[in-house]
Amino acid sequence: MTTSTDSLPAGDAELDTTGLYCPEPIMLMHNKVRDMASGEVLKVIASDPATTRDVPKFCSFLGHELLAQEETDGQYLYLIRLG
């Protein structure tokens, strides 16, 4: 999924995992969503290309909605609505 983030919500919380590699970004996402409520939007910034595989699987497995996935100059941006 590649959707422009221009028309999507800004996010209720942000998690910057730049410089971290698998499995750290996903582990931090697990911790972050524990502090959030269903329906809130988490903005995740990453530099690890493995997140293009891991984040969609994370969402699918845990029942979250991946609103947007974007890559620009080696930086990956995800918007996730918590289920």
PDB file of N, CA and C in Angstrom:
ATOM      1  N   MET A   1       0.849  -1.170   0.000  1.00  0.00           N
ATOM      2  CA  MET A   1       0.000   0.000   0.000  1.00  0.00           C
ATOM      3  C   MET A   1       0.892   1.231   0.000  1.00  0.00           C
ATOM      4  N   THR A   2       0.670   2.128  -0.906  1.00  0.00           N
ATOM      5  CA  THR A   2       1.362   3.409  -0.921  1.00  0.00           C
ATOM      6  C   THR A   2       0.302   4.478  -1.095  1.00  0.00           C
ATOM      7  N   THR A   3       0.078   5.229  -0.047  1.00  0.00           N
ATOM      8  CA  THR A   3      -0.932   6.259  -0.049  1.00  0.00           C
ATOM      9  C   THR A   3      -0.289   7.556   0.378  1.00  0.00           C
ATOM     10  N   SER A   4      -0.659   8.641  -0.265  1.00  0.00           N
ATOM     11  CA  SER A   4      -0.136   9.941   0.133  1.00  0.00           C
ATOM     12  C   SER A   4      -0.670  10.302   1.503  1.00  0.00           C
ATOM     13  N   THR A   5       0.173  10.880   2.324  1.00  0.00           N
ATOM     14  CA  THR A   5      -0.231  11.246   3.671  1.00  0.00           C
ATOM     15  C   THR A   5      -0.835  12.642   3.732  1.00  0.00           C
ATOM     16  N   ASP A   6      -0.937  13.332   2.584  1.00  0.00           N
ATOM     17  CA  ASP A   6      -1.436  14.706   2.571  1.00  0.00           C
ATOM     18  C   ASP A   6      -2.848  14.837   3.122  1.00  0.00           C
ATOM     19  N   SER A   7      -3.735  13.908   2.808  1.00  0.00           N
ATOM     20  CA  SER A   7      -5.130  14.023   3.208  1.00  0.00           C
ATOM     21  C   SER A   7      -5.472  13.183   4.437  1.00  0.00           C
ATOM     22  N   LEU A   8      -4.477  12.635   5.098  1.00  0.00           N
ATOM     23  CA  LEU A   8      -4.709  11.767   6.249  1.00  0.00           C
ATOM     24  C   LEU A   8      -4.444  12.506   7.561  1.00  0.00           C
ATOM     25  N   PRO A   9      -4.971  11.973   8.664  1.00  0.00           N
ATOM     26  CA  PRO A   9      -4.754  12.621   9.957  1.00  0.00           C
ATOM     27  C   PRO A   9      -3.278  12.715  10.329  1.00  0.00           C
ATOM     28  N   ALA A  10      -2.937  13.737  11.085  1.00  0.00           N
ATOM     29  CA  ALA A  10      -1.546  13.980  11.463  1.00  0.00           C
ATOM     30  C   ALA A  10      -1.017  12.926  12.434  1.00  0.00           C
ATOM     31  N   GLY A  11      -1.879  12.349  13.221  1.00  0.00           N
ATOM     32  CA  GLY A  11      -1.467  11.352  14.200  1.00  0.00           C
ATOM     33  C   GLY A  11      -1.633  11.862  15.616  1.00  0.00           C
ATOM     34  N   ASP A  12      -2.034  10.968  16.494  1.00  0.00           N
ATOM     35  CA  ASP A  12      -2.195  11.305  17.906  1.00  0.00           C
ATOM     36  C   ASP A  12      -0.881  11.143  18.660  1.00  0.00           C
ATOM     37  N   ALA A  13      -0.004  10.319  18.127  1.00  0.00           N
ATOM     38  CA  ALA A  13       1.309  10.079  18.732  1.00  0.00           C
ATOM     39  C   ALA A  13       2.295   9.781  17.616  1.00  0.00           C
ATOM     40  N   GLU A  14       3.570  10.033  17.901  1.00  0.00           N
ATOM     41  CA  GLU A  14       4.623   9.800  16.914  1.00  0.00           C
ATOM     42  C   GLU A  14       5.725   8.949  17.531  1.00  0.00           C
ATOM     43  N   LEU A  15       6.254   8.037  16.719  1.00  0.00           N
ATOM     44  CA  LEU A  15       7.357   7.184  17.141  1.00  0.00           C
ATOM     45  C   LEU A  15       8.431   7.241  16.070  1.00  0.00           C
ATOM     46  N   ASP A  16       9.594   7.753  16.439  1.00  0.00           N
ATOM     47  CA  ASP A  16      10.713   7.861  15.503  1.00  0.00           C
ATOM     48  C   ASP A  16      11.709   6.741  15.797  1.00  0.00           C
ATOM     49  N   THR A  17      11.813   5.797  14.859  1.00  0.00           N
ATOM     50  CA  THR A  17      12.730   4.664  15.039  1.00  0.00           C
ATOM     51  C   THR A  17      13.923   4.762  14.096  1.00  0.00           C
ATOM     52  N   THR A  18      14.192   5.962  13.613  1.00  0.00           N
ATOM     53  CA  THR A  18      15.304   6.189  12.696  1.00  0.00           C
ATOM     54  C   THR A  18      16.604   5.681  13.313  1.00  0.00           C
ATOM     55  N   GLY A  19      17.366   4.913  12.524  1.00  0.00           N
ATOM     56  CA  GLY A  19      18.644   4.380  12.987  1.00  0.00           C
ATOM     57  C   GLY A  19      18.538   3.024  13.659  1.00  0.00           C
ATOM     58  N   LEU A  20      17.318   2.541  13.887  1.00  0.00           N
ATOM     59  CA  LEU A  20      17.127   1.237  14.528  1.00  0.00           C
ATOM     60  C   LEU A  20      16.793   0.195  13.479  1.00  0.00           C
ATOM     61  N   TYR A  21      17.186  -1.039  13.749  1.00  0.00           N
ATOM     62  CA  TYR A  21      16.968  -2.126  12.806  1.00  0.00           C
ATOM     63  C   TYR A  21      16.188  -3.247  13.463  1.00  0.00           C
ATOM     64  N   CYS A  22      15.571  -4.069  12.632  1.00  0.00           N
ATOM     65  CA  CYS A  22      14.751  -5.189  13.058  1.00  0.00           C
ATOM     66  C   CYS A  22      15.479  -5.990  14.150  1.00  0.00           C
ATOM     67  N   PRO A  23      14.791  -6.253  15.224  1.00  0.00           N
ATOM     68  CA  PRO A  23      13.367  -6.126  15.519  1.00  0.00           C
ATOM     69  C   PRO A  23      12.996  -4.890  16.334  1.00  0.00           C
ATOM     70  N   GLU A  24      13.946  -3.988  16.562  1.00  0.00           N
ATOM     71  CA  GLU A  24      13.700  -2.858  17.468  1.00  0.00           C
ATOM     72  C   GLU A  24      12.513  -1.973  17.083  1.00  0.00           C
ATOM     73  N   PRO A  25      12.331  -1.569  15.817  1.00  0.00           N
ATOM     74  CA  PRO A  25      11.174  -0.721  15.506  1.00  0.00           C
ATOM     75  C   PRO A  25       9.839  -1.362  15.899  1.00  0.00           C
ATOM     76  N   ILE A  26       9.681  -2.655  15.637  1.00  0.00           N
ATOM     77  CA  ILE A  26       8.429  -3.337  15.966  1.00  0.00           C
ATOM     78  C   ILE A  26       8.265  -3.478  17.467  1.00  0.00           C
ATOM     79  N   MET A  27       9.337  -3.743  18.182  1.00  0.00           N
ATOM     80  CA  MET A  27       9.272  -3.834  19.643  1.00  0.00           C
ATOM     81  C   MET A  27       8.832  -2.492  20.236  1.00  0.00           C
ATOM     82  N   LEU A  28       9.378  -1.394  19.720  1.00  0.00           N
ATOM     83  CA  LEU A  28       8.988  -0.072  20.204  1.00  0.00           C
ATOM     84  C   LEU A  28       7.537   0.244  19.848  1.00  0.00           C
ATOM     85  N   MET A  29       7.094  -0.213  18.685  1.00  0.00           N
ATOM     86  CA  MET A  29       5.694  -0.010  18.307  1.00  0.00           C
ATOM     87  C   MET A  29       4.767  -0.751  19.268  1.00  0.00           C
ATOM     88  N   HIS A  30       5.112  -1.976  19.630  1.00  0.00           N
ATOM     89  CA  HIS A  30       4.315  -2.729  20.604  1.00  0.00           C
ATOM     90  C   HIS A  30       4.179  -1.944  21.904  1.00  0.00           C
ATOM     91  N   ASN A  31       5.282  -1.402  22.392  1.00  0.00           N
ATOM     92  CA  ASN A  31       5.255  -0.639  23.636  1.00  0.00           C
ATOM     93  C   ASN A  31       4.413   0.634  23.500  1.00  0.00           C
ATOM     94  N   LYS A  32       4.535   1.313  22.370  1.00  0.00           N
ATOM     95  CA  LYS A  32       3.824   2.577  22.163  1.00  0.00           C
ATOM     96  C   LYS A  32       2.314   2.373  22.090  1.00  0.00           C
ATOM     97  N   VAL A  33       1.852   1.349  21.366  1.00  0.00           N
ATOM     98  CA  VAL A  33       0.410   1.146  21.217  1.00  0.00           C
ATOM     99  C   VAL A  33      -0.253   0.745  22.534  1.00  0.00           C
ATOM    100  N   ARG A  34       0.501   0.224  23.460  1.00  0.00           N
ATOM    101  CA  ARG A  34      -0.055  -0.114  24.786  1.00  0.00           C
ATOM    102  C   ARG A  34      -0.544   1.132  25.515  1.00  0.00           C
ATOM    103  N   ASP A  35       0.081   2.275  25.230  1.00  0.00           N
ATOM    104  CA  ASP A  35      -0.268   3.531  25.892  1.00  0.00           C
ATOM    105  C   ASP A  35      -1.322   4.323  25.126  1.00  0.00           C
ATOM    106  N   MET A  36      -1.833   3.760  24.038  1.00  0.00           N
ATOM    107  CA  MET A  36      -2.784   4.472  23.187  1.00  0.00           C
ATOM    108  C   MET A  36      -4.144   3.775  23.216  1.00  0.00           C
ATOM    109  N   ALA A  37      -5.174   4.517  22.787  1.00  0.00           N
ATOM    110  CA  ALA A  37      -6.532   3.986  22.773  1.00  0.00           C
ATOM    111  C   ALA A  37      -6.925   3.558  21.360  1.00  0.00           C
ATOM    112  N   SER A  38      -7.876   2.661  21.286  1.00  0.00           N
ATOM    113  CA  SER A  38      -8.414   2.218  20.007  1.00  0.00           C
ATOM    114  C   SER A  38      -8.937   3.426  19.228  1.00  0.00           C
ATOM    115  N   GLY A  39      -8.626   3.464  17.937  1.00  0.00           N
ATOM    116  CA  GLY A  39      -9.065   4.569  17.087  1.00  0.00           C
ATOM    117  C   GLY A  39      -8.044   5.675  16.937  1.00  0.00           C
ATOM    118  N   GLU A  40      -7.075   5.728  17.841  1.00  0.00           N
ATOM    119  CA  GLU A  40      -6.027   6.746  17.723  1.00  0.00           C
ATOM    120  C   GLU A  40      -5.082   6.377  16.585  1.00  0.00           C
ATOM    121  N   VAL A  41      -4.373   7.393  16.073  1.00  0.00           N
ATOM    122  CA  VAL A  41      -3.466   7.194  14.952  1.00  0.00           C
ATOM    123  C   VAL A  41      -2.021   7.369  15.420  1.00  0.00           C
ATOM    124  N   LEU A  42      -1.201   6.379  15.108  1.00  0.00           N
ATOM    125  CA  LEU A  42       0.228   6.405  15.420  1.00  0.00           C
ATOM    126  C   LEU A  42       1.007   6.686  14.145  1.00  0.00           C
ATOM    127  N   LYS A  43       1.864   7.685  14.200  1.00  0.00           N
ATOM    128  CA  LYS A  43       2.755   8.004  13.087  1.00  0.00           C
ATOM    129  C   LYS A  43       4.117   7.398  13.420  1.00  0.00           C
ATOM    130  N   VAL A  44       4.615   6.549  12.514  1.00  0.00           N
ATOM    131  CA  VAL A  44       5.904   5.888  12.724  1.00  0.00           C
ATOM    132  C   VAL A  44       6.865   6.332  11.630  1.00  0.00           C
ATOM    133  N   ILE A  45       8.056   6.741  12.042  1.00  0.00           N
ATOM    134  CA  ILE A  45       9.123   7.125  11.121  1.00  0.00           C
ATOM    135  C   ILE A  45      10.240   6.098  11.296  1.00  0.00           C
ATOM    136  N   ALA A  46      10.734   5.572  10.182  1.00  0.00           N
ATOM    137  CA  ALA A  46      11.760   4.526  10.256  1.00  0.00           C
ATOM    138  C   ALA A  46      12.778   4.699   9.137  1.00  0.00           C
ATOM    139  N   SER A  47      13.941   4.082   9.328  1.00  0.00           N
ATOM    140  CA  SER A  47      14.969   4.076   8.290  1.00  0.00           C
ATOM    141  C   SER A  47      15.294   2.657   7.832  1.00  0.00           C
ATOM    142  N   ASP A  48      14.762   1.658   8.526  1.00  0.00           N
ATOM    143  CA  ASP A  48      15.030   0.256   8.203  1.00  0.00           C
ATOM    144  C   ASP A  48      14.093  -0.218   7.090  1.00  0.00           C
ATOM    145  N   PRO A  49      14.641  -0.626   5.943  1.00  0.00           N
ATOM    146  CA  PRO A  49      13.790  -1.114   4.849  1.00  0.00           C
ATOM    147  C   PRO A  49      12.943  -2.327   5.233  1.00  0.00           C
ATOM    148  N   ALA A  50      13.350  -3.073   6.241  1.00  0.00           N
ATOM    149  CA  ALA A  50      12.576  -4.243   6.673  1.00  0.00           C
ATOM    150  C   ALA A  50      11.206  -3.843   7.213  1.00  0.00           C
ATOM    151  N   THR A  51      11.047  -2.587   7.596  1.00  0.00           N
ATOM    152  CA  THR A  51       9.744  -2.148   8.106  1.00  0.00           C
ATOM    153  C   THR A  51       8.676  -2.201   7.022  1.00  0.00           C
ATOM    154  N   THR A  52       9.065  -2.156   5.746  1.00  0.00           N
ATOM    155  CA  THR A  52       8.071  -2.249   4.676  1.00  0.00           C
ATOM    156  C   THR A  52       7.370  -3.605   4.687  1.00  0.00           C
ATOM    157  N   ARG A  53       8.019  -4.581   5.252  1.00  0.00           N
ATOM    158  CA  ARG A  53       7.443  -5.908   5.422  1.00  0.00           C
ATOM    159  C   ARG A  53       6.845  -6.061   6.816  1.00  0.00           C
ATOM    160  N   ASP A  54       7.566  -5.589   7.820  1.00  0.00           N
ATOM    161  CA  ASP A  54       7.185  -5.835   9.207  1.00  0.00           C
ATOM    162  C   ASP A  54       5.974  -5.028   9.679  1.00  0.00           C
ATOM    163  N   VAL A  55       5.867  -3.774   9.271  1.00  0.00           N
ATOM    164  CA  VAL A  55       4.767  -2.934   9.749  1.00  0.00           C
ATOM    165  C   VAL A  55       3.414  -3.438   9.230  1.00  0.00           C
ATOM    166  N   PRO A  56       3.269  -3.746   7.932  1.00  0.00           N
ATOM    167  CA  PRO A  56       1.988  -4.303   7.497  1.00  0.00           C
ATOM    168  C   PRO A  56       1.615  -5.602   8.208  1.00  0.00           C
ATOM    169  N   LYS A  57       2.609  -6.467   8.460  1.00  0.00           N
ATOM    170  CA  LYS A  57       2.336  -7.713   9.187  1.00  0.00           C
ATOM    171  C   LYS A  57       1.926  -7.425  10.626  1.00  0.00           C
ATOM    172  N   PHE A  58       2.575  -6.461  11.258  1.00  0.00           N
ATOM    173  CA  PHE A  58       2.236  -6.032  12.614  1.00  0.00           C
ATOM    174  C   PHE A  58       0.775  -5.609  12.661  1.00  0.00           C
ATOM    175  N   CYS A  59       0.374  -4.778  11.695  1.00  0.00           N
ATOM    176  CA  CYS A  59      -1.003  -4.273  11.652  1.00  0.00           C
ATOM    177  C   CYS A  59      -2.000  -5.405  11.426  1.00  0.00           C
ATOM    178  N   SER A  60      -1.709  -6.248  10.477  1.00  0.00           N
ATOM    179  CA  SER A  60      -2.608  -7.353  10.149  1.00  0.00           C
ATOM    180  C   SER A  60      -2.777  -8.303  11.334  1.00  0.00           C
ATOM    181  N   PHE A  61      -1.686  -8.636  11.966  1.00  0.00           N
ATOM    182  CA  PHE A  61      -1.706  -9.594  13.067  1.00  0.00           C
ATOM    183  C   PHE A  61      -2.454  -9.049  14.285  1.00  0.00           C
ATOM    184  N   LEU A  62      -2.309  -7.738  14.556  1.00  0.00           N
ATOM    185  CA  LEU A  62      -2.899  -7.154  15.761  1.00  0.00           C
ATOM    186  C   LEU A  62      -4.218  -6.421  15.511  1.00  0.00           C
ATOM    187  N   GLY A  63      -4.688  -6.407  14.262  1.00  0.00           N
ATOM    188  CA  GLY A  63      -5.981  -5.802  13.975  1.00  0.00           C
ATOM    189  C   GLY A  63      -5.961  -4.288  13.859  1.00  0.00           C
ATOM    190  N   HIS A  64      -4.814  -3.714  13.514  1.00  0.00           N
ATOM    191  CA  HIS A  64      -4.711  -2.278  13.293  1.00  0.00           C
ATOM    192  C   HIS A  64      -4.863  -1.993  11.803  1.00  0.00           C
ATOM    193  N   GLU A  65      -5.222  -0.751  11.468  1.00  0.00           N
ATOM    194  CA  GLU A  65      -5.393  -0.370  10.072  1.00  0.00           C
ATOM    195  C   GLU A  65      -4.200   0.462   9.613  1.00  0.00           C
ATOM    196  N   LEU A  66      -3.531   0.005   8.579  1.00  0.00           N
ATOM    197  CA  LEU A  66      -2.425   0.752   7.995  1.00  0.00           C
ATOM    198  C   LEU A  66      -3.025   1.777   7.036  1.00  0.00           C
ATOM    199  N   LEU A  67      -3.068   3.036   7.477  1.00  0.00           N
ATOM    200  CA  LEU A  67      -3.689   4.101   6.690  1.00  0.00           C
ATOM    201  C   LEU A  67      -2.804   4.559   5.545  1.00  0.00           C
ATOM    202  N   ALA A  68      -1.490   4.593   5.804  1.00  0.00           N
ATOM    203  CA  ALA A  68      -0.563   5.081   4.780  1.00  0.00           C
ATOM    204  C   ALA A  68       0.813   4.491   4.998  1.00  0.00           C
ATOM    205  N   GLN A  69       1.512   4.331   3.888  1.00  0.00           N
ATOM    206  CA  GLN A  69       2.890   3.842   3.891  1.00  0.00           C
ATOM    207  C   GLN A  69       3.596   4.604   2.786  1.00  0.00           C
ATOM    208  N   GLU A  70       4.685   5.290   3.137  1.00  0.00           N
ATOM    209  CA  GLU A  70       5.360   6.147   2.174  1.00  0.00           C
ATOM    210  C   GLU A  70       6.869   6.057   2.377  1.00  0.00           C
ATOM    211  N   GLU A  71       7.630   6.082   1.283  1.00  0.00           N
ATOM    212  CA  GLU A  71       9.088   6.068   1.351  1.00  0.00           C
ATOM    213  C   GLU A  71       9.623   7.264   0.589  1.00  0.00           C
ATOM    214  N   THR A  72      10.466   8.033   1.254  1.00  0.00           N
ATOM    215  CA  THR A  72      11.089   9.199   0.635  1.00  0.00           C
ATOM    216  C   THR A  72      12.546   9.258   1.054  1.00  0.00           C
ATOM    217  N   ASP A  73      13.447   9.151   0.092  1.00  0.00           N
ATOM    218  CA  ASP A  73      14.883   9.279   0.346  1.00  0.00           C
ATOM    219  C   ASP A  73      15.375   8.393   1.494  1.00  0.00           C
ATOM    220  N   GLY A  74      14.941   7.154   1.511  1.00  0.00           N
ATOM    221  CA  GLY A  74      15.403   6.218   2.532  1.00  0.00           C
ATOM    222  C   GLY A  74      14.741   6.364   3.878  1.00  0.00           C
ATOM    223  N   GLN A  75      13.712   7.205   3.968  1.00  0.00           N
ATOM    224  CA  GLN A  75      12.953   7.343   5.207  1.00  0.00           C
ATOM    225  C   GLN A  75      11.544   6.812   4.963  1.00  0.00           C
ATOM    226  N   TYR A  76      11.060   6.006   5.877  1.00  0.00           N
ATOM    227  CA  TYR A  76       9.763   5.358   5.748  1.00  0.00           C
ATOM    228  C   TYR A  76       8.802   5.961   6.750  1.00  0.00           C
ATOM    229  N   LEU A  77       7.596   6.249   6.280  1.00  0.00           N
ATOM    230  CA  LEU A  77       6.564   6.851   7.118  1.00  0.00           C
ATOM    231  C   LEU A  77       5.328   5.962   7.083  1.00  0.00           C
ATOM    232  N   TYR A  78       4.765   5.709   8.249  1.00  0.00           N
ATOM    233  CA  TYR A  78       3.572   4.881   8.369  1.00  0.00           C
ATOM    234  C   TYR A  78       2.562   5.606   9.255  1.00  0.00           C
ATOM    235  N   LEU A  79       1.300   5.532   8.872  1.00  0.00           N
ATOM    236  CA  LEU A  79       0.212   6.001   9.713  1.00  0.00           C
ATOM    237  C   LEU A  79      -0.664   4.790  10.009  1.00  0.00           C
ATOM    238  N   ILE A  80      -0.856   4.538  11.294  1.00  0.00           N
ATOM    239  CA  ILE A  80      -1.556   3.338  11.737  1.00  0.00           C
ATOM    240  C   ILE A  80      -2.702   3.737  12.662  1.00  0.00           C
ATOM    241  N   ARG A  81      -3.938   3.321  12.313  1.00  0.00           N
ATOM    242  CA  ARG A  81      -5.074   3.538  13.197  1.00  0.00           C
ATOM    243  C   ARG A  81      -5.234   2.274  14.056  1.00  0.00           C
ATOM    244  N   LEU A  82      -5.200   2.468  15.360  1.00  0.00           N
ATOM    245  CA  LEU A  82      -5.271   1.330  16.273  1.00  0.00           C
ATOM    246  C   LEU A  82      -6.652   0.709  16.281  1.00  0.00           C
ATOM    247  N   GLY A  83      -6.673  -0.613  16.263  1.00  0.00           N
ATOM    248  CA  GLY A  83      -7.928  -1.369  16.279  1.00  0.00           C
ATOM    249  C   GLY A  83      -8.416  -1.602  17.683  1.00  0.00           C
TER     250      GLY A  83
END
